[in-house]
Amino acid sequence: MKKQTALNTINEFPKEFNLEELLERLIFIEKVEHGIAQAKSGKTTEHNKVVESFRKKWSK
């Protein structure tokens, strides 16, 4: 995560806030950025493969 992203996120919060909420938001942003980077680099799974995987897992 870029420092500016963290600073922008902090600036979106009110003057007083719960630290846990900030950490949750920063973790969420980091995970979304990571997912976008994976998608851009082609590290994805086709939808039908995901569906089949869930069917096998939950049909037991």
PDB file of N, CA and C in Angstrom:
ATOM      1  N   MET A   1       0.844  -1.170   0.000  1.00  0.00           N
ATOM      2  CA  MET A   1       0.000   0.000   0.000  1.00  0.00           C
ATOM      3  C   MET A   1       0.893   1.239   0.000  1.00  0.00           C
ATOM      4  N   LYS A   2       0.449   2.215  -0.743  1.00  0.00           N
ATOM      5  CA  LYS A   2       1.196   3.463  -0.779  1.00  0.00           C
ATOM      6  C   LYS A   2       0.846   4.315   0.434  1.00  0.00           C
ATOM      7  N   LYS A   3       1.842   5.053   0.892  1.00  0.00           N
ATOM      8  CA  LYS A   3       1.658   5.922   2.057  1.00  0.00           C
ATOM      9  C   LYS A   3       0.519   6.914   1.816  1.00  0.00           C
ATOM     10  N   GLN A   4       0.428   7.426   0.611  1.00  0.00           N
ATOM     11  CA  GLN A   4      -0.606   8.404   0.292  1.00  0.00           C
ATOM     12  C   GLN A   4      -1.997   7.789   0.412  1.00  0.00           C
ATOM     13  N   THR A   5      -2.138   6.523   0.055  1.00  0.00           N
ATOM     14  CA  THR A   5      -3.424   5.838   0.193  1.00  0.00           C
ATOM     15  C   THR A   5      -3.833   5.775   1.658  1.00  0.00           C
ATOM     16  N   ALA A   6      -2.881   5.441   2.532  1.00  0.00           N
ATOM     17  CA  ALA A   6      -3.159   5.383   3.965  1.00  0.00           C
ATOM     18  C   ALA A   6      -3.527   6.765   4.497  1.00  0.00           C
ATOM     19  N   LEU A   7      -2.802   7.769   4.073  1.00  0.00           N
ATOM     20  CA  LEU A   7      -3.098   9.135   4.526  1.00  0.00           C
ATOM     21  C   LEU A   7      -4.462   9.600   4.045  1.00  0.00           C
ATOM     22  N   ASN A   8      -4.800   9.294   2.795  1.00  0.00           N
ATOM     23  CA  ASN A   8      -6.116   9.669   2.266  1.00  0.00           C
ATOM     24  C   ASN A   8      -7.222   8.984   3.058  1.00  0.00           C
ATOM     25  N   THR A   9      -7.003   7.734   3.409  1.00  0.00           N
ATOM     26  CA  THR A   9      -7.992   6.982   4.173  1.00  0.00           C
ATOM     27  C   THR A   9      -8.175   7.605   5.555  1.00  0.00           C
ATOM     28  N   ILE A  10      -7.079   7.934   6.201  1.00  0.00           N
ATOM     29  CA  ILE A  10      -7.159   8.576   7.517  1.00  0.00           C
ATOM     30  C   ILE A  10      -7.911   9.895   7.410  1.00  0.00           C
ATOM     31  N   ASN A  11      -7.644  10.659   6.372  1.00  0.00           N
ATOM     32  CA  ASN A  11      -8.300  11.958   6.200  1.00  0.00           C
ATOM     33  C   ASN A  11      -9.798  11.829   5.937  1.00  0.00           C
ATOM     34  N   GLU A  12     -10.254  10.669   5.473  1.00  0.00           N
ATOM     35  CA  GLU A  12     -11.683  10.448   5.239  1.00  0.00           C
ATOM     36  C   GLU A  12     -12.443  10.226   6.548  1.00  0.00           C
ATOM     37  N   PHE A  13     -11.735   9.858   7.592  1.00  0.00           N
ATOM     38  CA  PHE A  13     -12.368   9.584   8.881  1.00  0.00           C
ATOM     39  C   PHE A  13     -12.646  10.893   9.621  1.00  0.00           C
ATOM     40  N   PRO A  14     -13.611  10.867  10.549  1.00  0.00           N
ATOM     41  CA  PRO A  14     -13.857  12.059  11.369  1.00  0.00           C
ATOM     42  C   PRO A  14     -12.680  12.336  12.301  1.00  0.00           C
ATOM     43  N   LYS A  15     -12.728  13.455  13.012  1.00  0.00           N
ATOM     44  CA  LYS A  15     -11.617  13.840  13.885  1.00  0.00           C
ATOM     45  C   LYS A  15     -11.339  12.802  14.956  1.00  0.00           C
ATOM     46  N   GLU A  16     -12.379  12.139  15.431  1.00  0.00           N
ATOM     47  CA  GLU A  16     -12.196  11.047  16.385  1.00  0.00           C
ATOM     48  C   GLU A  16     -12.812   9.795  15.788  1.00  0.00           C
ATOM     49  N   PHE A  17     -12.064   8.686  15.854  1.00  0.00           N
ATOM     50  CA  PHE A  17     -12.545   7.441  15.263  1.00  0.00           C
ATOM     51  C   PHE A  17     -11.963   6.259  16.019  1.00  0.00           C
ATOM     52  N   ASN A  18     -12.529   5.120  15.749  1.00  0.00           N
ATOM     53  CA  ASN A  18     -12.100   3.872  16.352  1.00  0.00           C
ATOM     54  C   ASN A  18     -10.931   3.319  15.531  1.00  0.00           C
ATOM     55  N   LEU A  19      -9.815   3.038  16.185  1.00  0.00           N
ATOM     56  CA  LEU A  19      -8.634   2.536  15.493  1.00  0.00           C
ATOM     57  C   LEU A  19      -8.924   1.233  14.766  1.00  0.00           C
ATOM     58  N   GLU A  20      -9.756   0.400  15.354  1.00  0.00           N
ATOM     59  CA  GLU A  20     -10.092  -0.881  14.728  1.00  0.00           C
ATOM     60  C   GLU A  20     -10.775  -0.679  13.375  1.00  0.00           C
ATOM     61  N   GLU A  21     -11.643   0.316  13.289  1.00  0.00           N
ATOM     62  CA  GLU A  21     -12.317   0.614  12.023  1.00  0.00           C
ATOM     63  C   GLU A  21     -11.314   1.060  10.960  1.00  0.00           C
ATOM     64  N   LEU A  22     -10.347   1.869  11.357  1.00  0.00           N
ATOM     65  CA  LEU A  22      -9.317   2.318  10.420  1.00  0.00           C
ATOM     66  C   LEU A  22      -8.501   1.132   9.921  1.00  0.00           C
ATOM     67  N   LEU A  23      -8.094   0.276  10.834  1.00  0.00           N
ATOM     68  CA  LEU A  23      -7.301  -0.891  10.440  1.00  0.00           C
ATOM     69  C   LEU A  23      -8.081  -1.801   9.504  1.00  0.00           C
ATOM     70  N   GLU A  24      -9.364  -2.005   9.797  1.00  0.00           N
ATOM     71  CA  GLU A  24     -10.196  -2.827   8.922  1.00  0.00           C
ATOM     72  C   GLU A  24     -10.279  -2.223   7.527  1.00  0.00           C
ATOM     73  N   ARG A  25     -10.445  -0.919   7.452  1.00  0.00           N
ATOM     74  CA  ARG A  25     -10.537  -0.252   6.152  1.00  0.00           C
ATOM     75  C   ARG A  25      -9.218  -0.361   5.388  1.00  0.00           C
ATOM     76  N   LEU A  26      -8.094  -0.161   6.085  1.00  0.00           N
ATOM     77  CA  LEU A  26      -6.788  -0.262   5.423  1.00  0.00           C
ATOM     78  C   LEU A  26      -6.533  -1.682   4.928  1.00  0.00           C
ATOM     79  N   ILE A  27      -6.898  -2.674   5.714  1.00  0.00           N
ATOM     80  CA  ILE A  27      -6.726  -4.069   5.297  1.00  0.00           C
ATOM     81  C   ILE A  27      -7.598  -4.359   4.079  1.00  0.00           C
ATOM     82  N   PHE A  28      -8.837  -3.865   4.100  1.00  0.00           N
ATOM     83  CA  PHE A  28      -9.729  -4.054   2.967  1.00  0.00           C
ATOM     84  C   PHE A  28      -9.131  -3.449   1.695  1.00  0.00           C
ATOM     85  N   ILE A  29      -8.659  -2.222   1.787  1.00  0.00           N
ATOM     86  CA  ILE A  29      -8.065  -1.545   0.629  1.00  0.00           C
ATOM     87  C   ILE A  29      -6.862  -2.332   0.118  1.00  0.00           C
ATOM     88  N   GLU A  30      -6.023  -2.797   1.023  1.00  0.00           N
ATOM     89  CA  GLU A  30      -4.843  -3.563   0.627  1.00  0.00           C
ATOM     90  C   GLU A  30      -5.239  -4.839  -0.116  1.00  0.00           C
ATOM     91  N   LYS A  31      -6.260  -5.534   0.379  1.00  0.00           N
ATOM     92  CA  LYS A  31      -6.693  -6.771  -0.262  1.00  0.00           C
ATOM     93  C   LYS A  31      -7.288  -6.501  -1.640  1.00  0.00           C
ATOM     94  N   VAL A  32      -8.051  -5.422  -1.765  1.00  0.00           N
ATOM     95  CA  VAL A  32      -8.613  -5.066  -3.068  1.00  0.00           C
ATOM     96  C   VAL A  32      -7.501  -4.726  -4.053  1.00  0.00           C
ATOM     97  N   GLU A  33      -6.525  -3.940  -3.615  1.00  0.00           N
ATOM     98  CA  GLU A  33      -5.400  -3.592  -4.490  1.00  0.00           C
ATOM     99  C   GLU A  33      -4.634  -4.846  -4.910  1.00  0.00           C
ATOM    100  N   HIS A  34      -4.457  -5.768  -3.982  1.00  0.00           N
ATOM    101  CA  HIS A  34      -3.757  -7.022  -4.292  1.00  0.00           C
ATOM    102  C   HIS A  34      -4.547  -7.822  -5.331  1.00  0.00           C
ATOM    103  N   GLY A  35      -5.854  -7.894  -5.156  1.00  0.00           N
ATOM    104  CA  GLY A  35      -6.700  -8.623  -6.105  1.00  0.00           C
ATOM    105  C   GLY A  35      -6.670  -8.008  -7.491  1.00  0.00           C
ATOM    106  N   ILE A  36      -6.690  -6.694  -7.549  1.00  0.00           N
ATOM    107  CA  ILE A  36      -6.630  -6.005  -8.842  1.00  0.00           C
ATOM    108  C   ILE A  36      -5.295  -6.294  -9.527  1.00  0.00           C
ATOM    109  N   ALA A  37      -4.221  -6.272  -8.760  1.00  0.00           N
ATOM    110  CA  ALA A  37      -2.897  -6.565  -9.321  1.00  0.00           C
ATOM    111  C   ALA A  37      -2.847  -7.997  -9.846  1.00  0.00           C
ATOM    112  N   GLN A  38      -3.435  -8.938  -9.111  1.00  0.00           N
ATOM    113  CA  GLN A  38      -3.465 -10.329  -9.565  1.00  0.00           C
ATOM    114  C   GLN A  38      -4.261 -10.453 -10.861  1.00  0.00           C
ATOM    115  N   ALA A  39      -5.390  -9.780 -10.928  1.00  0.00           N
ATOM    116  CA  ALA A  39      -6.210  -9.840 -12.139  1.00  0.00           C
ATOM    117  C   ALA A  39      -5.473  -9.256 -13.340  1.00  0.00           C
ATOM    118  N   LYS A  40      -4.791  -8.152 -13.127  1.00  0.00           N
ATOM    119  CA  LYS A  40      -4.044  -7.526 -14.220  1.00  0.00           C
ATOM    120  C   LYS A  40      -2.912  -8.407 -14.719  1.00  0.00           C
ATOM    121  N   SER A  41      -2.347  -9.218 -13.822  1.00  0.00           N
ATOM    122  CA  SER A  41      -1.238 -10.085 -14.226  1.00  0.00           C
ATOM    123  C   SER A  41      -1.718 -11.451 -14.713  1.00  0.00           C
ATOM    124  N   GLY A  42      -3.045 -11.621 -14.799  1.00  0.00           N
ATOM    125  CA  GLY A  42      -3.591 -12.863 -15.338  1.00  0.00           C
ATOM    126  C   GLY A  42      -3.715 -13.994 -14.333  1.00  0.00           C
ATOM    127  N   LYS A  43      -3.527 -13.706 -13.069  1.00  0.00           N
ATOM    128  CA  LYS A  43      -3.626 -14.739 -12.029  1.00  0.00           C
ATOM    129  C   LYS A  43      -5.069 -14.836 -11.555  1.00  0.00           C
ATOM    130  N   THR A  44      -5.922 -15.356 -12.425  1.00  0.00           N
ATOM    131  CA  THR A  44      -7.332 -15.493 -12.112  1.00  0.00           C
ATOM    132  C   THR A  44      -7.778 -16.934 -12.364  1.00  0.00           C
ATOM    133  N   THR A  45      -8.970 -17.260 -11.912  1.00  0.00           N
ATOM    134  CA  THR A  45      -9.555 -18.570 -12.138  1.00  0.00           C
ATOM    135  C   THR A  45     -10.868 -18.367 -12.883  1.00  0.00           C
ATOM    136  N   GLU A  46     -11.095 -19.184 -13.891  1.00  0.00           N
ATOM    137  CA  GLU A  46     -12.313 -19.065 -14.677  1.00  0.00           C
ATOM    138  C   GLU A  46     -13.532 -19.354 -13.802  1.00  0.00           C
ATOM    139  N   HIS A  47     -14.615 -18.664 -14.082  1.00  0.00           N
ATOM    140  CA  HIS A  47     -15.835 -18.785 -13.292  1.00  0.00           C
ATOM    141  C   HIS A  47     -16.324 -20.226 -13.207  1.00  0.00           C
ATOM    142  N   ASN A  48     -16.344 -20.922 -14.330  1.00  0.00           N
ATOM    143  CA  ASN A  48     -16.858 -22.292 -14.323  1.00  0.00           C
ATOM    144  C   ASN A  48     -16.003 -23.221 -13.458  1.00  0.00           C
ATOM    145  N   LYS A  49     -14.719 -22.960 -13.344  1.00  0.00           N
ATOM    146  CA  LYS A  49     -13.860 -23.767 -12.479  1.00  0.00           C
ATOM    147  C   LYS A  49     -14.165 -23.508 -11.008  1.00  0.00           C
ATOM    148  N   VAL A  50     -14.459 -22.273 -10.672  1.00  0.00           N
ATOM    149  CA  VAL A  50     -14.821 -21.938  -9.295  1.00  0.00           C
ATOM    150  C   VAL A  50     -16.147 -22.594  -8.933  1.00  0.00           C
ATOM    151  N   VAL A  51     -17.124 -22.517  -9.834  1.00  0.00           N
ATOM    152  CA  VAL A  51     -18.430 -23.134  -9.594  1.00  0.00           C
ATOM    153  C   VAL A  51     -18.273 -24.631  -9.389  1.00  0.00           C
ATOM    154  N   GLU A  52     -17.514 -25.291 -10.243  1.00  0.00           N
ATOM    155  CA  GLU A  52     -17.297 -26.732 -10.126  1.00  0.00           C
ATOM    156  C   GLU A  52     -16.610 -27.081  -8.809  1.00  0.00           C
ATOM    157  N   SER A  53     -15.664 -26.282  -8.402  1.00  0.00           N
ATOM    158  CA  SER A  53     -14.966 -26.510  -7.139  1.00  0.00           C
ATOM    159  C   SER A  53     -15.935 -26.442  -5.959  1.00  0.00           C
ATOM    160  N   PHE A  54     -16.824 -25.441  -5.977  1.00  0.00           N
ATOM    161  CA  PHE A  54     -17.805 -25.321  -4.900  1.00  0.00           C
ATOM    162  C   PHE A  54     -18.801 -26.472  -4.917  1.00  0.00           C
ATOM    163  N   ARG A  55     -19.193 -26.900  -6.114  1.00  0.00           N
ATOM    164  CA  ARG A  55     -20.133 -28.029  -6.205  1.00  0.00           C
ATOM    165  C   ARG A  55     -19.522 -29.282  -5.596  1.00  0.00           C
ATOM    166  N   LYS A  56     -18.270 -29.533  -5.904  1.00  0.00           N
ATOM    167  CA  LYS A  56     -17.601 -30.719  -5.353  1.00  0.00           C
ATOM    168  C   LYS A  56     -17.484 -30.616  -3.838  1.00  0.00           C
ATOM    169  N   LYS A  57     -17.146 -29.429  -3.354  1.00  0.00           N
ATOM    170  CA  LYS A  57     -16.943 -29.230  -1.929  1.00  0.00           C
ATOM    171  C   LYS A  57     -18.241 -29.365  -1.151  1.00  0.00           C
ATOM    172  N   TRP A  58     -19.320 -28.799  -1.646  1.00  0.00           N
ATOM    173  CA  TRP A  58     -20.567 -28.730  -0.884  1.00  0.00           C
ATOM    174  C   TRP A  58     -21.529 -29.880  -1.182  1.00  0.00           C
ATOM    175  N   SER A  59     -21.226 -30.722  -2.159  1.00  0.00           N
ATOM    176  CA  SER A  59     -22.131 -31.831  -2.468  1.00  0.00           C
ATOM    177  C   SER A  59     -21.845 -33.059  -1.615  1.00  0.00           C
ATOM    178  N   LYS A  60     -20.836 -32.995  -0.771  1.00  0.00           N
ATOM    179  CA  LYS A  60     -20.465 -34.141   0.074  1.00  0.00           C
ATOM    180  C   LYS A  60     -21.401 -34.312   1.224  1.00  0.00           C
TER     181      LYS A  60
END
